[in-house]
Amino acid sequence: MRILGIDCGCERTGYGLIESDGVRHTLVASGVVTTSPKEPLAERLKTISDGVRGVLARYAPEAVAVEEVFYAQNAKTAIRLSHARGVVLLAIAEAGLGMSEYSPLEVKTSVTGYGRAEKRQVQLMVQSLLKLDEIIASEDASDAVAIAICHATRCGAPVGAGRRA
């Protein structure tokens, strides 16, 4: 199964695409859609939306998994993250794809075995699980790959392991 993981952000939206049979995973692509904080929010959201649409069109995933919104440092950050997440969810829906959501705790537990793992630990486990020569340098792209791996290992799990939107 070809699974796309997306780690939403207003400045950096990471994506990671894997092929998986639920046990073995192979990296197909990963990257980041970046925006400039100097641009108006509407332009940044358009850049994110266009970038995600491009990834969906180019790689034709069979499933998409997105990280749930988590606690943010302040309300302004949470609102901007929600805007970015909204355009990502719209792009997924327009592509006619279903989507699963996982909390950061679920993703980290699935990939590292520890729900409070640091970003570096996630990067190292993603590298190990995918048998990569090097870590995925971008934390955002690595997190997105971790989301895809989480979905791959849980999509056959009982209801409640991942929630469909």
Foldseek 3Di string as FASTA:
>chain_A
DWEKFWEFALAKIKIWIWDDPLQAIATDDIDIQGDDPVDPSVVSLVSLLVVLLVVCVVPVGQAYEYEDQDDDPDPVRSVSRVSNVVSNVVSCVVSVHKYWYDYCQLLCCQQQVGSPDDLVSLQVSLCVRNVHPDTPPDSNRSSRNSRRSSCSNPVVPDPPSIDID
